PDB file of N, CA and C in Angstrom:
ATOM      1  N   UNK A   1       8.591  11.164  -1.319  1.00  0.00           N
ATOM      2  CA  UNK A   1       9.744  10.205  -0.971  1.00  0.00           C
ATOM      3  C   UNK A   1      10.504  10.066  -1.987  1.00  0.00           C
ATOM      4  N   UNK A   2      11.605   9.943  -1.653  1.00  0.00           N
ATOM      5  CA  UNK A   2      13.068   9.487  -2.251  1.00  0.00           C
ATOM      6  C   UNK A   2      12.744   7.963  -3.117  1.00  0.00           C
ATOM      7  N   UNK A   3      12.366   7.499  -4.292  1.00  0.00           N
ATOM      8  CA  UNK A   3      11.508   6.286  -4.597  1.00  0.00           C
ATOM      9  C   UNK A   3      12.625   5.342  -4.186  1.00  0.00           C
ATOM     10  N   UNK A   4      13.888   5.244  -3.648  1.00  0.00           N
ATOM     11  CA  UNK A   4      14.765   4.052  -3.558  1.00  0.00           C
ATOM     12  C   UNK A   4      13.985   3.850  -1.668  1.00  0.00           C
ATOM     13  N   UNK A   5      13.651   4.842  -1.319  1.00  0.00           N
ATOM     14  CA  UNK A   5      13.738   4.287   0.036  1.00  0.00           C
ATOM     15  C   UNK A   5      12.138   3.723  -0.090  1.00  0.00           C
ATOM     16  N   UNK A   6      11.247   3.770  -0.716  1.00  0.00           N
ATOM     17  CA  UNK A   6       9.743   3.930  -1.001  1.00  0.00           C
ATOM     18  C   UNK A   6       9.783   2.607  -1.752  1.00  0.00           C
ATOM     19  N   UNK A   7      10.749   2.335  -2.489  1.00  0.00           N
ATOM     20  CA  UNK A   7      10.623   0.646  -2.984  1.00  0.00           C
ATOM     21  C   UNK A   7      10.356  -0.826  -2.371  1.00  0.00           C
ATOM     22  N   UNK A   8      10.849  -0.511  -1.189  1.00  0.00           N
ATOM     23  CA  UNK A   8      11.067  -1.662  -0.088  1.00  0.00           C
ATOM     24  C   UNK A   8       9.846  -1.490   0.500  1.00  0.00           C
ATOM     25  N   UNK A   9       9.440  -0.702   0.210  1.00  0.00           N
ATOM     26  CA  UNK A   9       7.695  -0.972   1.639  1.00  0.00           C
ATOM     27  C   UNK A   9       6.441  -0.539   1.016  1.00  0.00           C
ATOM     28  N   UNK A  10       6.910  -0.814  -0.619  1.00  0.00           N
ATOM     29  CA  UNK A  10       5.255   0.031  -1.561  1.00  0.00           C
ATOM     30  C   UNK A  10       4.589  -1.076  -0.898  1.00  0.00           C
ATOM     31  N   UNK A  11       4.900  -2.706  -1.474  1.00  0.00           N
ATOM     32  CA  UNK A  11       4.074  -3.282  -1.465  1.00  0.00           C
ATOM     33  C   UNK A  11       2.750  -3.632  -0.208  1.00  0.00           C
ATOM     34  N   UNK A  12       3.418  -3.640   1.192  1.00  0.00           N
ATOM     35  CA  UNK A  12       2.818  -3.492   2.781  1.00  0.00           C
ATOM     36  C   UNK A  12       2.244  -1.877   2.874  1.00  0.00           C
ATOM     37  N   UNK A  13       2.406  -0.957   2.116  1.00  0.00           N
ATOM     38  CA  UNK A  13       1.552   0.325   2.291  1.00  0.00           C
ATOM     39  C   UNK A  13       0.681   0.239   1.247  1.00  0.00           C
ATOM     40  N   UNK A  14       0.559  -0.551   0.417  1.00  0.00           N
ATOM     41  CA  UNK A  14      -0.703  -0.571  -0.534  1.00  0.00           C
ATOM     42  C   UNK A  14      -1.572  -1.839  -0.346  1.00  0.00           C
ATOM     43  N   UNK A  15      -0.733  -2.934   0.707  1.00  0.00           N
ATOM     44  CA  UNK A  15      -1.561  -3.416   1.024  1.00  0.00           C
ATOM     45  C   UNK A  15      -2.375  -3.052   2.285  1.00  0.00           C
ATOM     46  N   UNK A  16      -1.587  -2.130   2.986  1.00  0.00           N
ATOM     47  CA  UNK A  16      -2.799  -1.455   4.012  1.00  0.00           C
ATOM     48  C   UNK A  16      -3.425  -0.339   3.895  1.00  0.00           C
ATOM     49  N   UNK A  17      -3.525   0.323   2.500  1.00  0.00           N
ATOM     50  CA  UNK A  17      -4.187   1.261   1.760  1.00  0.00           C
ATOM     51  C   UNK A  17      -5.232   0.402   1.260  1.00  0.00           C
ATOM     52  N   UNK A  18      -5.583  -0.825   0.725  1.00  0.00           N
ATOM     53  CA  UNK A  18      -6.772  -1.576   0.194  1.00  0.00           C
ATOM     54  C   UNK A  18      -7.272  -2.343   1.529  1.00  0.00           C
ATOM     55  N   UNK A  19      -6.940  -2.400   2.816  1.00  0.00           N
ATOM     56  CA  UNK A  19      -7.244  -3.034   4.184  1.00  0.00           C
ATOM     57  C   UNK A  19      -7.964  -2.435   4.536  1.00  0.00           C
ATOM     58  N   UNK A  20      -8.196  -0.977   4.437  1.00  0.00           N
ATOM     59  CA  UNK A  20      -8.694   0.274   4.982  1.00  0.00           C
ATOM     60  C   UNK A  20     -10.478  -0.023   4.010  1.00  0.00           C
ATOM     61  N   UNK A  21     -10.089  -0.596   3.057  1.00  0.00           N
ATOM     62  CA  UNK A  21     -11.269  -0.186   2.165  1.00  0.00           C
ATOM     63  C   UNK A  21     -11.147  -0.191   1.239  1.00  0.00           C
ATOM     64  N   UNK A  22     -11.437  -1.239  -0.043  1.00  0.00           N
ATOM     65  CA  UNK A  22     -11.869  -1.258  -1.577  1.00  0.00           C
ATOM     66  C   UNK A  22     -11.418  -0.138  -2.132  1.00  0.00           C
ATOM     67  N   UNK A  23     -10.523   0.558  -2.863  1.00  0.00           N
ATOM     68  CA  UNK A  23     -10.415   1.809  -3.493  1.00  0.00           C
ATOM     69  C   UNK A  23      -9.815   1.252  -5.295  1.00  0.00           C
ATOM     70  N   UNK A  24     -10.299   2.982  -5.921  1.00  0.00           N
ATOM     71  CA  UNK A  24      -9.265   2.554  -7.461  1.00  0.00           C
ATOM     72  C   UNK A  24      -8.292   3.278  -7.053  1.00  0.00           C
ATOM     73  N   UNK A  25      -7.490   2.925  -8.227  1.00  0.00           N
ATOM     74  CA  UNK A  25      -6.575   3.757  -8.083  1.00  0.00           C
ATOM     75  C   UNK A  25      -5.795   5.152  -7.770  1.00  0.00           C
ATOM     76  N   UNK A  26      -6.707   6.048  -7.857  1.00  0.00           N
ATOM     77  CA  UNK A  26      -6.635   7.012  -7.190  1.00  0.00           C
ATOM     78  C   UNK A  26      -7.135   7.288  -6.078  1.00  0.00           C
ATOM     79  N   UNK A  27      -7.747   6.928  -5.496  1.00  0.00           N
ATOM     80  CA  UNK A  27      -8.122   7.211  -4.144  1.00  0.00           C
ATOM     81  C   UNK A  27      -7.329   6.549  -3.176  1.00  0.00           C
ATOM     82  N   UNK A  28      -6.261   5.350  -3.593  1.00  0.00           N
ATOM     83  CA  UNK A  28      -5.329   4.962  -2.925  1.00  0.00           C
ATOM     84  C   UNK A  28      -4.290   5.393  -3.255  1.00  0.00           C
ATOM     85  N   UNK A  29      -4.017   6.458  -3.979  1.00  0.00           N
ATOM     86  CA  UNK A  29      -2.696   7.560  -3.957  1.00  0.00           C
ATOM     87  C   UNK A  29      -3.124   8.628  -3.311  1.00  0.00           C
ATOM     88  N   UNK A  30      -4.462   8.875  -2.961  1.00  0.00           N
ATOM     89  CA  UNK A  30      -5.184  10.151  -2.269  1.00  0.00           C
ATOM     90  C   UNK A  30      -4.815   9.467  -0.806  1.00  0.00           C
ATOM     91  N   UNK A  31      -4.954   8.486  -0.242  1.00  0.00           N
ATOM     92  CA  UNK A  31      -5.731   7.989   1.020  1.00  0.00           C
ATOM     93  C   UNK A  31      -4.006   8.009   1.675  1.00  0.00           C
ATOM     94  N   UNK A  32      -3.017   7.594   0.912  1.00  0.00           N
ATOM     95  CA  UNK A  32      -1.651   7.188   0.953  1.00  0.00           C
ATOM     96  C   UNK A  32      -1.018   8.644   1.037  1.00  0.00           C
ATOM     97  N   UNK A  33      -1.579   9.592   0.381  1.00  0.00           N
ATOM     98  CA  UNK A  33      -0.603  11.168   0.445  1.00  0.00           C
ATOM     99  C   UNK A  33      -1.305  12.099   1.887  1.00  0.00           C
ATOM    100  N   UNK A  34      -2.790  11.511   1.944  1.00  0.00           N
ATOM    101  CA  UNK A  34      -3.689  12.565   2.894  1.00  0.00           C
ATOM    102  C   UNK A  34      -2.909  11.593   4.553  1.00  0.00           C
ATOM    103  N   UNK A  35      -2.583  10.286   4.382  1.00  0.00           N
ATOM    104  CA  UNK A  35      -2.378   9.160   5.593  1.00  0.00           C
ATOM    105  C   UNK A  35      -1.057   9.585   6.172  1.00  0.00           C
ATOM    106  N   UNK A  36      -0.415  10.420   5.024  1.00  0.00           N
ATOM    107  CA  UNK A  36       1.115  10.690   5.008  1.00  0.00           C
ATOM    108  C   UNK A  36       1.696  12.007   5.460  1.00  0.00           C
ATOM    109  N   UNK A  37       0.205  12.491   5.731  1.00  0.00           N
ATOM    110  CA  UNK A  37       0.741  13.885   5.452  1.00  0.00           C
ATOM    111  C   UNK A  37       1.376  14.742   4.396  1.00  0.00           C
ATOM    112  N   UNK A  38       1.336  14.207   3.355  1.00  0.00           N
ATOM    113  CA  UNK A  38       1.457  14.766   2.062  1.00  0.00           C
ATOM    114  C   UNK A  38       3.056  14.122   1.594  1.00  0.00           C
ATOM    115  N   UNK A  39       3.922  13.690   2.935  1.00  0.00           N
ATOM    116  CA  UNK A  39       4.517  12.566   2.300  1.00  0.00           C
ATOM    117  C   UNK A  39       4.588  11.960   1.302  1.00  0.00           C
ATOM    118  N   UNK A  40       4.371  11.186   1.065  1.00  0.00           N
ATOM    119  CA  UNK A  40       3.955   9.657   0.048  1.00  0.00           C
ATOM    120  C   UNK A  40       2.900  10.670  -1.034  1.00  0.00           C
ATOM    121  N   UNK A  41       3.692  10.480  -2.064  1.00  0.00           N
ATOM    122  CA  UNK A  41       3.209  11.218  -3.114  1.00  0.00           C
ATOM    123  C   UNK A  41       3.335  10.302  -4.651  1.00  0.00           C
ATOM    124  N   UNK A  42       2.386   9.128  -5.165  1.00  0.00           N
ATOM    125  CA  UNK A  42       2.827   8.200  -5.614  1.00  0.00           C
ATOM    126  C   UNK A  42       2.449   8.646  -7.162  1.00  0.00           C
ATOM    127  N   UNK A  43       3.091   8.524  -7.829  1.00  0.00           N
ATOM    128  CA  UNK A  43       2.422   8.200  -8.842  1.00  0.00           C
ATOM    129  C   UNK A  43       1.666   6.444  -9.678  1.00  0.00           C
ATOM    130  N   UNK A  44       1.158   7.509 -10.945  1.00  0.00           N
ATOM    131  CA  UNK A  44       0.324   6.008 -11.418  1.00  0.00           C
ATOM    132  C   UNK A  44       1.123   4.740 -12.129  1.00  0.00           C
ATOM    133  N   UNK A  45       2.403   5.686 -12.463  1.00  0.00           N
ATOM    134  CA  UNK A  45       3.093   4.713 -13.316  1.00  0.00           C
ATOM    135  C   UNK A  45       4.002   4.026 -12.140  1.00  0.00           C
ATOM    136  N   UNK A  46       3.704   4.218 -10.596  1.00  0.00           N
ATOM    137  CA  UNK A  46       4.267   3.045  -9.552  1.00  0.00           C
ATOM    138  C   UNK A  46       3.348   2.524  -8.982  1.00  0.00           C
ATOM    139  N   UNK A  47       2.382   3.204  -8.875  1.00  0.00           N
ATOM    140  CA  UNK A  47       0.778   2.536  -8.049  1.00  0.00           C
ATOM    141  C   UNK A  47       0.638   1.527  -9.134  1.00  0.00           C
ATOM    142  N   UNK A  48       0.376   0.999 -10.591  1.00  0.00           N
ATOM    143  CA  UNK A  48      -0.579   0.517 -10.942  1.00  0.00           C
ATOM    144  C   UNK A  48       0.581  -1.055 -11.062  1.00  0.00           C
ATOM    145  N   UNK A  49       1.635  -0.866 -11.627  1.00  0.00           N
ATOM    146  CA  UNK A  49       2.262  -2.033 -11.352  1.00  0.00           C
ATOM    147  C   UNK A  49       2.326  -2.639 -10.575  1.00  0.00           C
ATOM    148  N   UNK A  50       2.514  -1.873  -9.294  1.00  0.00           N
ATOM    149  CA  UNK A  50       2.951  -2.593  -8.128  1.00  0.00           C
ATOM    150  C   UNK A  50       1.438  -2.986  -7.750  1.00  0.00           C
ATOM    151  N   UNK A  51       0.287  -2.887  -7.980  1.00  0.00           N
ATOM    152  CA  UNK A  51      -1.280  -3.508  -7.991  1.00  0.00           C
ATOM    153  C   UNK A  51      -1.443  -4.527  -8.519  1.00  0.00           C
ATOM    154  N   UNK A  52      -0.243  -4.962  -9.134  1.00  0.00           N
ATOM    155  CA  UNK A  52      -1.017  -5.775 -10.880  1.00  0.00           C
ATOM    156  C   UNK A  52       0.299  -6.957 -10.418  1.00  0.00           C
ATOM    157  N   UNK A  53       1.227  -6.754  -9.733  1.00  0.00           N
ATOM    158  CA  UNK A  53       2.104  -7.705  -9.044  1.00  0.00           C
ATOM    159  C   UNK A  53       1.410  -8.070  -8.025  1.00  0.00           C
ATOM    160  N   UNK A  54       0.638  -7.549  -7.317  1.00  0.00           N
ATOM    161  CA  UNK A  54       0.249  -7.993  -6.095  1.00  0.00           C
ATOM    162  C   UNK A  54      -1.015  -8.917  -6.323  1.00  0.00           C
ATOM    163  N   UNK A  55      -2.330  -8.143  -7.064  1.00  0.00           N
ATOM    164  CA  UNK A  55      -3.141  -8.960  -7.814  1.00  0.00           C
ATOM    165  C   UNK A  55      -2.003 -10.173  -8.164  1.00  0.00           C
ATOM    166  N   UNK A  56      -0.940 -10.521  -8.873  1.00  0.00           N
ATOM    167  CA  UNK A  56      -0.665 -11.676  -9.113  1.00  0.00           C
ATOM    168  C   UNK A  56      -0.591 -12.703  -8.405  1.00  0.00           C
ATOM    169  N   UNK A  57      -0.106 -12.214  -6.727  1.00  0.00           N
ATOM    170  CA  UNK A  57       0.590 -12.533  -5.785  1.00  0.00           C
ATOM    171  C   UNK A  57      -0.989 -13.484  -5.004  1.00  0.00           C
ATOM    172  N   UNK A  58      -1.968 -12.822  -5.561  1.00  0.00           N
ATOM    173  CA  UNK A  58      -2.915 -13.021  -4.943  1.00  0.00           C
ATOM    174  C   UNK A  58      -3.643 -12.298  -3.480  1.00  0.00           C
ATOM    175  N   UNK A  59      -2.827 -11.577  -3.622  1.00  0.00           N
ATOM    176  CA  UNK A  59      -2.571 -10.476  -2.211  1.00  0.00           C
ATOM    177  C   UNK A  59      -3.868  -9.393  -2.459  1.00  0.00           C
ATOM    178  N   UNK A  60      -4.337  -8.883  -3.683  1.00  0.00           N
ATOM    179  CA  UNK A  60      -5.870  -8.032  -3.967  1.00  0.00           C
ATOM    180  C   UNK A  60      -5.720  -8.771  -4.919  1.00  0.00           C
ATOM    181  N   UNK A  61      -7.113  -7.876  -5.272  1.00  0.00           N
ATOM    182  CA  UNK A  61      -8.307  -8.682  -5.850  1.00  0.00           C
ATOM    183  C   UNK A  61      -8.409  -7.766  -6.571  1.00  0.00           C
ATOM    184  N   UNK A  62      -9.592  -7.919  -8.271  1.00  0.00           N
ATOM    185  CA  UNK A  62     -10.017  -6.275  -8.148  1.00  0.00           C
ATOM    186  C   UNK A  62     -11.450  -6.475  -8.712  1.00  0.00           C
ATOM    187  N   UNK A  63     -12.218  -5.874  -9.028  1.00  0.00           N
ATOM    188  CA  UNK A  63     -12.856  -5.833 -10.177  1.00  0.00           C
ATOM    189  C   UNK A  63     -13.658  -4.618 -10.613  1.00  0.00           C
ATOM    190  N   UNK A  64     -14.319  -4.541 -11.657  1.00  0.00           N
ATOM    191  CA  UNK A  64     -14.824  -3.193 -12.543  1.00  0.00           C
ATOM    192  C   UNK A  64     -16.141  -2.870 -11.689  1.00  0.00           C
ATOM    193  N   UNK A  65     -16.746  -1.540 -11.383  1.00  0.00           N
ATOM    194  CA  UNK A  65     -17.677  -0.796 -10.990  1.00  0.00           C
ATOM    195  C   UNK A  65     -17.783   0.461 -11.495  1.00  0.00           C
ATOM    196  N   UNK A  66     -19.388   0.718 -10.985  1.00  0.00           N
ATOM    197  CA  UNK A  66     -19.524   1.985 -11.791  1.00  0.00           C
ATOM    198  C   UNK A  66     -19.736   3.286 -11.031  1.00  0.00           C
ATOM    199  N   UNK A  67     -19.346   3.978 -11.492  1.00  0.00           N
ATOM    200  CA  UNK A  67     -19.298   5.496 -10.637  1.00  0.00           C
ATOM    201  C   UNK A  67     -19.416   6.419 -11.048  1.00  0.00           C
ATOM    202  N   UNK A  68     -20.676   7.451 -10.668  1.00  0.00           N
ATOM    203  CA  UNK A  68     -20.564   8.760 -12.151  1.00  0.00           C
ATOM    204  C   UNK A  68     -20.968   8.532 -13.293  1.00  0.00           C
ATOM    205  N   UNK A  69     -21.275   7.370 -13.831  1.00  0.00           N
ATOM    206  CA  UNK A  69     -21.819   6.974 -15.432  1.00  0.00           C
ATOM    207  C   UNK A  69     -19.464   6.583 -15.553  1.00  0.00           C
ATOM    208  N   UNK A  70     -18.581   6.472 -14.682  1.00  0.00           N
ATOM    209  CA  UNK A  70     -17.547   5.724 -15.092  1.00  0.00           C
ATOM    210  C   UNK A  70     -17.407   3.791 -14.515  1.00  0.00           C
ATOM    211  N   UNK A  71     -16.333   3.676 -15.412  1.00  0.00           N
ATOM    212  CA  UNK A  71     -16.106   2.333 -15.151  1.00  0.00           C
ATOM    213  C   UNK A  71     -14.493   2.836 -14.216  1.00  0.00           C
ATOM    214  N   UNK A  72     -14.518   2.403 -13.384  1.00  0.00           N
ATOM    215  CA  UNK A  72     -13.266   2.162 -12.127  1.00  0.00           C
ATOM    216  C   UNK A  72     -13.291   0.462 -12.285  1.00  0.00           C
ATOM    217  N   UNK A  73     -11.873   0.555 -11.883  1.00  0.00           N
ATOM    218  CA  UNK A  73     -10.976  -0.858 -11.208  1.00  0.00           C
ATOM    219  C   UNK A  73     -11.034   0.083  -9.958  1.00  0.00           C
ATOM    220  N   UNK A  74     -11.753  -1.513  -9.359  1.00  0.00           N
ATOM    221  CA  UNK A  74     -11.692  -0.734  -7.386  1.00  0.00           C
ATOM    222  C   UNK A  74     -10.950  -2.526  -6.763  1.00  0.00           C
ATOM    223  N   UNK A  75     -10.213  -2.358  -6.308  1.00  0.00           N
ATOM    224  CA  UNK A  75      -8.544  -2.585  -5.628  1.00  0.00           C
ATOM    225  C   UNK A  75      -9.329  -3.301  -4.301  1.00  0.00           C
ATOM    226  N   UNK A  76      -9.290  -4.477  -3.520  1.00  0.00           N
ATOM    227  CA  UNK A  76      -9.417  -4.573  -2.417  1.00  0.00           C
ATOM    228  C   UNK A  76      -8.466  -5.929  -1.336  1.00  0.00           C
ATOM    229  N   UNK A  77      -8.171  -6.303  -0.367  1.00  0.00           N
ATOM    230  CA  UNK A  77      -7.389  -7.343  -0.174  1.00  0.00           C
ATOM    231  C   UNK A  77      -8.236  -8.534   0.118  1.00  0.00           C
ATOM    232  N   UNK A  78      -7.243  -9.744  -0.260  1.00  0.00           N
ATOM    233  CA  UNK A  78      -7.863 -10.884  -0.123  1.00  0.00           C
ATOM    234  C   UNK A  78      -7.568 -11.355   1.256  1.00  0.00           C
ATOM    235  N   UNK A  79      -7.640 -12.356   1.547  1.00  0.00           N
ATOM    236  CA  UNK A  79      -7.101 -12.876   2.986  1.00  0.00           C
ATOM    237  C   UNK A  79      -5.809 -13.322   2.954  1.00  0.00           C
ATOM    238  N   UNK A  80      -5.312 -13.943   1.865  1.00  0.00           N
ATOM    239  CA  UNK A  80      -3.889 -13.855   1.251  1.00  0.00           C
ATOM    240  C   UNK A  80      -3.042 -12.638   2.044  1.00  0.00           C
ATOM    241  N   UNK A  81      -3.897 -11.584   1.944  1.00  0.00           N
ATOM    242  CA  UNK A  81      -2.820 -10.549   1.784  1.00  0.00           C
ATOM    243  C   UNK A  81      -3.308  -9.848   3.208  1.00  0.00           C
ATOM    244  N   UNK A  82      -4.423 -10.183   3.647  1.00  0.00           N
ATOM    245  CA  UNK A  82      -4.278  -9.824   5.365  1.00  0.00           C
ATOM    246  C   UNK A  82      -3.392 -10.643   6.312  1.00  0.00           C
ATOM    247  N   UNK A  83      -3.117 -11.817   6.079  1.00  0.00           N
ATOM    248  CA  UNK A  83      -1.840 -12.688   6.656  1.00  0.00           C
ATOM    249  C   UNK A  83      -0.812 -11.935   6.466  1.00  0.00           C
ATOM    250  N   UNK A  84      -0.407 -11.396   5.098  1.00  0.00           N
ATOM    251  CA  UNK A  84       0.816 -11.046   4.542  1.00  0.00           C
ATOM    252  C   UNK A  84       1.000  -9.616   5.278  1.00  0.00           C
ATOM    253  N   UNK A  85       0.038  -8.877   5.280  1.00  0.00           N
ATOM    254  CA  UNK A  85       0.100  -8.063   6.124  1.00  0.00           C
ATOM    255  C   UNK A  85       0.355  -7.914   7.416  1.00  0.00           C
ATOM    256  N   UNK A  86      -0.172  -8.983   8.242  1.00  0.00           N
ATOM    257  CA  UNK A  86      -0.325  -9.269   9.487  1.00  0.00           C
ATOM    258  C   UNK A  86       1.608  -9.599   9.912  1.00  0.00           C
ATOM    259  N   UNK A  87       2.013  -9.770   8.927  1.00  0.00           N
ATOM    260  CA  UNK A  87       3.739 -10.883   9.115  1.00  0.00           C
ATOM    261  C   UNK A  87       4.619  -9.209   8.974  1.00  0.00           C
ATOM    262  N   UNK A  88       3.923  -8.644   8.169  1.00  0.00           N
ATOM    263  CA  UNK A  88       4.765  -7.424   7.308  1.00  0.00           C
ATOM    264  C   UNK A  88       4.743  -6.796   8.423  1.00  0.00           C
ATOM    265  N   UNK A  89       3.239  -6.296   9.081  1.00  0.00           N
ATOM    266  CA  UNK A  89       3.743  -4.912  10.272  1.00  0.00           C
ATOM    267  C   UNK A  89       4.077  -5.713  11.416  1.00  0.00           C
ATOM    268  N   UNK A  90       3.804  -6.717  11.775  1.00  0.00           N
ATOM    269  CA  UNK A  90       5.298  -7.200  13.186  1.00  0.00           C
ATOM    270  C   UNK A  90       6.530  -7.214  12.091  1.00  0.00           C
ATOM    271  N   UNK A  91       6.772  -7.657  11.013  1.00  0.00           N
ATOM    272  CA  UNK A  91       8.433  -7.540  11.248  1.00  0.00           C
ATOM    273  C   UNK A  91       9.223  -5.988  10.976  1.00  0.00           C
ATOM    274  N   UNK A  92       7.241  -5.381  10.661  1.00  0.00           N
ATOM    275  CA  UNK A  92       8.067  -3.540  10.701  1.00  0.00           C
ATOM    276  C   UNK A  92       8.092  -2.914  12.069  1.00  0.00           C
ATOM    277  N   UNK A  93       7.614  -3.329  12.979  1.00  0.00           N
ATOM    278  CA  UNK A  93       7.576  -3.108  13.966  1.00  0.00           C
ATOM    279  C   UNK A  93       8.701  -3.640  14.950  1.00  0.00           C
ATOM    280  N   UNK A  94       9.244  -4.830  14.704  1.00  0.00           N
ATOM    281  CA  UNK A  94      10.592  -5.412  15.295  1.00  0.00           C
ATOM    282  C   UNK A  94      11.627  -4.227  14.302  1.00  0.00           C
ATOM    283  N   UNK A  95      11.795  -4.213  13.417  1.00  0.00           N
ATOM    284  CA  UNK A  95      12.556  -3.043  12.610  1.00  0.00           C
ATOM    285  C   UNK A  95      12.778  -1.791  13.407  1.00  0.00           C
ATOM    286  N   UNK A  96      11.882  -1.554  13.442  1.00  0.00           N
ATOM    287  CA  UNK A  96      11.406  -0.131  13.542  1.00  0.00           C
ATOM    288  C   UNK A  96      11.865  -0.096  15.202  1.00  0.00           C
ATOM    289  N   UNK A  97      11.310  -0.663  16.184  1.00  0.00           N
ATOM    290  CA  UNK A  97      12.138  -0.749  16.999  1.00  0.00           C
ATOM    291  C   UNK A  97      13.584  -0.746  17.266  1.00  0.00           C
ATOM    292  N   UNK A  98      14.508  -2.004  16.733  1.00  0.00           N
ATOM    293  CA  UNK A  98      15.757  -2.006  16.212  1.00  0.00           C
ATOM    294  C   UNK A  98      16.327  -0.828  15.956  1.00  0.00           C
ATOM    295  N   UNK A  99      15.764   0.133  15.250  1.00  0.00           N
ATOM    296  CA  UNK A  99      16.323   1.533  14.493  1.00  0.00           C
ATOM    297  C   UNK A  99      16.249   2.466  15.062  1.00  0.00           C
ATOM    298  N   UNK A 100      15.011   2.285  15.964  1.00  0.00           N
ATOM    299  CA  UNK A 100      15.070   3.351  16.389  1.00  0.00           C
ATOM    300  C   UNK A 100      16.318   3.356  18.402  1.00  0.00           C
ATOM    301  N   UNK A 101      16.547   2.185  19.180  1.00  0.00           N
ATOM    302  CA  UNK A 101      17.496   2.135  19.716  1.00  0.00           C
ATOM    303  C   UNK A 101      18.094   2.429  18.916  1.00  0.00           C
ATOM    304  N   UNK A 102      19.007   2.201  18.670  1.00  0.00           N
ATOM    305  CA  UNK A 102      20.006   2.668  17.143  1.00  0.00           C
ATOM    306  C   UNK A 102      20.369   4.542  17.351  1.00  0.00           C
ATOM    307  N   UNK A 103      19.302   4.906  16.577  1.00  0.00           N
ATOM    308  CA  UNK A 103      19.565   6.201  16.361  1.00  0.00           C
ATOM    309  C   UNK A 103      19.034   6.809  17.445  1.00  0.00           C
ATOM    310  N   UNK A 104      18.607   7.017  18.659  1.00  0.00           N
ATOM    311  CA  UNK A 104      18.041   7.066  20.244  1.00  0.00           C
ATOM    312  C   UNK A 104      19.094   6.643  20.656  1.00  0.00           C
ATOM    313  N   UNK A 105      19.994   6.254  20.617  1.00  0.00           N
ATOM    314  CA  UNK A 105      21.639   5.983  21.314  1.00  0.00           C
ATOM    315  C   UNK A 105      22.359   7.125  21.464  1.00  0.00           C
ATOM    316  N   UNK A 106      22.362   7.992  20.689  1.00  0.00           N
ATOM    317  CA  UNK A 106      23.716   8.841  20.156  1.00  0.00           C
ATOM    318  C   UNK A 106      23.065  10.054  20.445  1.00  0.00           C
TER     319      UNK A 106
END
């Protein structure tokens, strides 16, 4: 997906991804790719700054865990993140209906 189009939606996509279950960075990238049928192809250089921004805003939290002898940082959604995600979903639904009404009118 074009970077500029993704920019305004990245945070809500990440919140939705970690709301589906705690995951490490690569798993989040994979989850988004699979759920979007390959349309969303995030790079680590895009993912981690966004996750850190969401963590600073207390919308996600992270913890270290070991898996297969490797330490990985796992990200999960907070209560505040769930509230923000619910608001964003409602706004997206209204926006999507408005755009569909315009685009479908022609």
